[in-house]
Amino acid sequence: MSIPSPRYEDDYEGREEECREALRERFLPLVSSKELLRIHQQAIEAGWGLTEVRRAIDALVEAKARNAGKESPCEMSSRRDRQRNRLSE
């Protein structure tokens, strides 16, 4: 299963969310649904909102990638875009 590419090469509104969703599709099969549901339910019961829980899970996945010594695909894309913009200036 490959990770879908962004719709456009340049930055656009919603690109970050699109990237998360593309990675989520690849990530979710690696973590059991029961585990994710349990974490989600515990967070909601503790008083966290749905959006907060989603963002926290996304951030934890990104941190795990960093700790493994790898840059996440979203970070690589952002870095590449910044470099491209500097060259075109």
N, C-alpha and C. Protein backbone atom coordinates (compact mmCIF):
# COMPACT_ATOMS: atom_id res chain seq x y z
N MET A 1 0.86 -1.19 0.00
CA MET A 1 0.00 0.00 0.00
C MET A 1 0.90 1.23 0.00
N SER A 2 0.73 2.08 -0.99
CA SER A 2 1.55 3.28 -1.06
C SER A 2 0.82 4.46 -0.41
N ILE A 3 1.60 5.47 -0.07
CA ILE A 3 1.05 6.68 0.53
C ILE A 3 0.70 7.63 -0.61
N PRO A 4 -0.54 8.13 -0.64
CA PRO A 4 -0.94 9.05 -1.71
C PRO A 4 -0.11 10.34 -1.69
N SER A 5 0.15 10.88 -2.86
CA SER A 5 0.87 12.14 -2.99
C SER A 5 -0.09 13.31 -2.73
N PRO A 6 0.47 14.48 -2.40
CA PRO A 6 -0.38 15.66 -2.25
C PRO A 6 -1.01 16.04 -3.59
N ARG A 7 -2.13 16.74 -3.53
CA ARG A 7 -2.81 17.14 -4.76
C ARG A 7 -1.98 18.12 -5.59
N TYR A 8 -1.22 19.00 -4.92
CA TYR A 8 -0.41 20.00 -5.60
C TYR A 8 0.99 20.01 -4.99
N GLU A 9 1.99 20.42 -5.78
CA GLU A 9 3.36 20.48 -5.27
C GLU A 9 3.53 21.60 -4.26
N ASP A 10 2.92 22.75 -4.51
CA ASP A 10 3.06 23.91 -3.63
C ASP A 10 2.13 23.79 -2.43
N ASP A 11 2.42 24.61 -1.43
CA ASP A 11 1.60 24.63 -0.22
C ASP A 11 0.18 25.08 -0.56
N TYR A 12 -0.81 24.50 0.10
CA TYR A 12 -2.20 24.91 -0.09
C TYR A 12 -2.96 24.62 1.19
N GLU A 13 -4.08 25.32 1.35
CA GLU A 13 -4.89 25.16 2.55
C GLU A 13 -5.38 23.71 2.64
N GLY A 14 -5.18 23.13 3.80
CA GLY A 14 -5.61 21.76 4.03
C GLY A 14 -4.55 20.71 3.72
N ARG A 15 -3.38 21.15 3.26
CA ARG A 15 -2.33 20.20 2.91
C ARG A 15 -1.88 19.37 4.11
N GLU A 16 -1.71 20.01 5.26
CA GLU A 16 -1.26 19.30 6.46
C GLU A 16 -2.26 18.22 6.86
N GLU A 17 -3.54 18.57 6.84
CA GLU A 17 -4.57 17.60 7.18
C GLU A 17 -4.60 16.46 6.18
N GLU A 18 -4.42 16.80 4.91
CA GLU A 18 -4.39 15.77 3.86
C GLU A 18 -3.22 14.81 4.09
N CYS A 19 -2.08 15.36 4.47
CA CYS A 19 -0.91 14.54 4.76
C CYS A 19 -1.19 13.60 5.93
N ARG A 20 -1.78 14.12 6.97
CA ARG A 20 -2.12 13.28 8.13
C ARG A 20 -3.02 12.13 7.73
N GLU A 21 -4.02 12.44 6.93
CA GLU A 21 -4.96 11.39 6.51
C GLU A 21 -4.26 10.34 5.64
N ALA A 22 -3.37 10.79 4.78
CA ALA A 22 -2.64 9.85 3.94
C ALA A 22 -1.78 8.91 4.79
N LEU A 23 -1.12 9.47 5.79
CA LEU A 23 -0.29 8.66 6.67
C LEU A 23 -1.14 7.80 7.59
N ARG A 24 -2.27 8.32 8.01
CA ARG A 24 -3.16 7.58 8.92
C ARG A 24 -3.60 6.26 8.27
N GLU A 25 -3.91 6.32 6.97
CA GLU A 25 -4.34 5.11 6.27
C GLU A 25 -3.27 4.04 6.31
N ARG A 26 -2.02 4.45 6.29
CA ARG A 26 -0.90 3.50 6.33
C ARG A 26 -0.63 3.06 7.76
N PHE A 27 -0.80 3.98 8.71
CA PHE A 27 -0.48 3.72 10.11
C PHE A 27 -1.51 2.83 10.79
N LEU A 28 -2.77 3.08 10.54
CA LEU A 28 -3.83 2.38 11.26
C LEU A 28 -3.76 0.86 11.17
N PRO A 29 -3.42 0.29 10.03
CA PRO A 29 -3.33 -1.17 10.00
C PRO A 29 -2.23 -1.74 10.90
N LEU A 30 -1.26 -0.90 11.29
CA LEU A 30 -0.16 -1.38 12.12
C LEU A 30 -0.52 -1.38 13.60
N VAL A 31 -1.57 -0.68 13.98
CA VAL A 31 -2.01 -0.60 15.37
C VAL A 31 -3.41 -1.19 15.42
N SER A 32 -3.64 -2.05 16.38
CA SER A 32 -4.95 -2.70 16.42
C SER A 32 -6.05 -1.67 16.70
N SER A 33 -7.18 -1.90 16.10
CA SER A 33 -8.34 -1.02 16.30
C SER A 33 -8.76 -1.01 17.76
N LYS A 34 -8.66 -2.14 18.41
CA LYS A 34 -9.03 -2.21 19.82
C LYS A 34 -8.14 -1.32 20.67
N GLU A 35 -6.85 -1.30 20.37
CA GLU A 35 -5.93 -0.44 21.12
C GLU A 35 -6.27 1.03 20.91
N LEU A 36 -6.48 1.41 19.65
CA LEU A 36 -6.83 2.81 19.37
C LEU A 36 -8.14 3.20 20.01
N LEU A 37 -9.13 2.32 19.94
CA LEU A 37 -10.42 2.60 20.54
C LEU A 37 -10.29 2.76 22.06
N ARG A 38 -9.51 1.89 22.67
CA ARG A 38 -9.31 1.97 24.12
C ARG A 38 -8.65 3.29 24.51
N ILE A 39 -7.62 3.67 23.78
CA ILE A 39 -6.93 4.94 24.05
C ILE A 39 -7.89 6.10 23.85
N HIS A 40 -8.64 6.07 22.75
CA HIS A 40 -9.60 7.13 22.45
C HIS A 40 -10.64 7.24 23.56
N GLN A 41 -11.23 6.12 23.95
CA GLN A 41 -12.26 6.14 24.99
C GLN A 41 -11.73 6.65 26.32
N GLN A 42 -10.54 6.20 26.68
CA GLN A 42 -9.94 6.66 27.94
C GLN A 42 -9.69 8.16 27.92
N ALA A 43 -9.25 8.67 26.78
CA ALA A 43 -8.99 10.10 26.67
C ALA A 43 -10.28 10.90 26.75
N ILE A 44 -11.34 10.44 26.08
CA ILE A 44 -12.63 11.12 26.13
C ILE A 44 -13.18 11.10 27.56
N GLU A 45 -13.08 9.94 28.22
CA GLU A 45 -13.55 9.82 29.60
C GLU A 45 -12.78 10.73 30.55
N ALA A 46 -11.52 10.98 30.22
CA ALA A 46 -10.70 11.86 31.05
C ALA A 46 -11.02 13.33 30.81
N GLY A 47 -11.86 13.60 29.81
CA GLY A 47 -12.28 14.98 29.56
C GLY A 47 -11.67 15.64 28.34
N TRP A 48 -10.88 14.90 27.55
CA TRP A 48 -10.30 15.46 26.34
C TRP A 48 -11.31 15.45 25.21
N GLY A 49 -11.21 16.43 24.32
CA GLY A 49 -12.11 16.51 23.17
C GLY A 49 -11.59 15.66 22.02
N LEU A 50 -12.49 15.35 21.10
CA LEU A 50 -12.15 14.51 19.96
C LEU A 50 -10.99 15.08 19.14
N THR A 51 -11.04 16.37 18.85
CA THR A 51 -9.97 17.00 18.07
C THR A 51 -8.65 16.96 18.82
N GLU A 52 -8.70 17.20 20.11
CA GLU A 52 -7.47 17.16 20.92
C GLU A 52 -6.86 15.76 20.90
N VAL A 53 -7.71 14.76 21.01
CA VAL A 53 -7.22 13.38 21.01
C VAL A 53 -6.58 13.06 19.67
N ARG A 54 -7.24 13.43 18.60
CA ARG A 54 -6.70 13.17 17.25
C ARG A 54 -5.35 13.85 17.06
N ARG A 55 -5.26 15.10 17.45
CA ARG A 55 -4.00 15.83 17.29
C ARG A 55 -2.90 15.23 18.16
N ALA A 56 -3.27 14.80 19.35
CA ALA A 56 -2.28 14.20 20.24
C ALA A 56 -1.73 12.90 19.65
N ILE A 57 -2.61 12.08 19.12
CA ILE A 57 -2.16 10.82 18.50
C ILE A 57 -1.26 11.12 17.31
N ASP A 58 -1.65 12.10 16.50
CA ASP A 58 -0.81 12.49 15.35
C ASP A 58 0.57 12.95 15.82
N ALA A 59 0.61 13.77 16.86
CA ALA A 59 1.88 14.28 17.37
C ALA A 59 2.74 13.16 17.94
N LEU A 60 2.11 12.21 18.61
CA LEU A 60 2.87 11.09 19.17
C LEU A 60 3.48 10.22 18.07
N VAL A 61 2.75 10.02 17.02
CA VAL A 61 3.28 9.24 15.89
C VAL A 61 4.48 9.98 15.28
N GLU A 62 4.35 11.28 15.12
CA GLU A 62 5.44 12.07 14.56
C GLU A 62 6.66 12.03 15.48
N ALA A 63 6.42 12.14 16.79
CA ALA A 63 7.53 12.09 17.75
C ALA A 63 8.21 10.72 17.71
N LYS A 64 7.43 9.69 17.56
CA LYS A 64 8.01 8.35 17.47
C LYS A 64 8.91 8.23 16.25
N ALA A 65 8.50 8.81 15.13
CA ALA A 65 9.33 8.79 13.93
C ALA A 65 10.62 9.55 14.15
N ARG A 66 10.52 10.70 14.83
CA ARG A 66 11.73 11.49 15.12
C ARG A 66 12.67 10.71 16.02
N ASN A 67 12.12 10.07 17.05
CA ASN A 67 12.95 9.31 17.98
C ASN A 67 13.62 8.13 17.30
N ALA A 68 13.04 7.66 16.22
CA ALA A 68 13.65 6.57 15.46
C ALA A 68 14.74 7.11 14.54
N GLY A 69 14.96 8.43 14.57
CA GLY A 69 16.00 9.03 13.75
C GLY A 69 15.57 9.31 12.34
N LYS A 70 14.26 9.34 12.13
CA LYS A 70 13.76 9.57 10.78
C LYS A 70 12.84 10.78 10.78
N GLU A 71 12.86 11.49 9.69
CA GLU A 71 11.98 12.63 9.49
C GLU A 71 10.67 12.10 8.91
N SER A 72 9.55 12.59 9.43
CA SER A 72 8.27 12.13 8.91
C SER A 72 8.07 12.63 7.48
N PRO A 73 7.26 11.94 6.68
CA PRO A 73 7.01 12.40 5.31
C PRO A 73 6.47 13.83 5.24
N CYS A 74 5.65 14.23 6.21
CA CYS A 74 5.13 15.61 6.20
C CYS A 74 6.26 16.61 6.41
N GLU A 75 7.19 16.29 7.32
CA GLU A 75 8.31 17.18 7.57
C GLU A 75 9.22 17.25 6.35
N MET A 76 9.46 16.10 5.70
CA MET A 76 10.30 16.09 4.51
C MET A 76 9.69 16.96 3.42
N SER A 77 8.38 16.85 3.24
CA SER A 77 7.69 17.63 2.22
C SER A 77 7.78 19.11 2.53
N SER A 78 7.58 19.49 3.79
CA SER A 78 7.65 20.90 4.19
C SER A 78 9.06 21.45 3.98
N ARG A 79 10.07 20.66 4.36
CA ARG A 79 11.45 21.09 4.19
C ARG A 79 11.77 21.28 2.71
N ARG A 80 11.34 20.33 1.89
CA ARG A 80 11.58 20.41 0.44
C ARG A 80 10.90 21.65 -0.14
N ASP A 81 9.67 21.94 0.31
CA ASP A 81 8.95 23.12 -0.17
C ASP A 81 9.67 24.41 0.21
N ARG A 82 10.18 24.48 1.45
CA ARG A 82 10.90 25.67 1.89
C ARG A 82 12.17 25.87 1.06
N GLN A 83 12.88 24.77 0.79
CA GLN A 83 14.09 24.87 -0.03
C GLN A 83 13.76 25.33 -1.43
N ARG A 84 12.70 24.81 -2.00
CA ARG A 84 12.29 25.18 -3.35
C ARG A 84 11.92 26.67 -3.39
N ASN A 85 11.21 27.14 -2.36
CA ASN A 85 10.83 28.55 -2.31
C ASN A 85 12.04 29.47 -2.21
N ARG A 86 13.05 29.06 -1.42
CA ARG A 86 14.26 29.87 -1.30
C ARG A 86 15.00 29.97 -2.64
N LEU A 87 15.03 28.88 -3.38
CA LEU A 87 15.73 28.87 -4.66
C LEU A 87 15.01 29.74 -5.68
N SER A 88 13.70 29.84 -5.59
CA SER A 88 12.94 30.63 -6.57
C SER A 88 12.93 32.11 -6.24
N GLU A 89 13.41 32.49 -5.07
CA GLU A 89 13.41 33.91 -4.68
C GLU A 89 14.53 34.68 -5.33
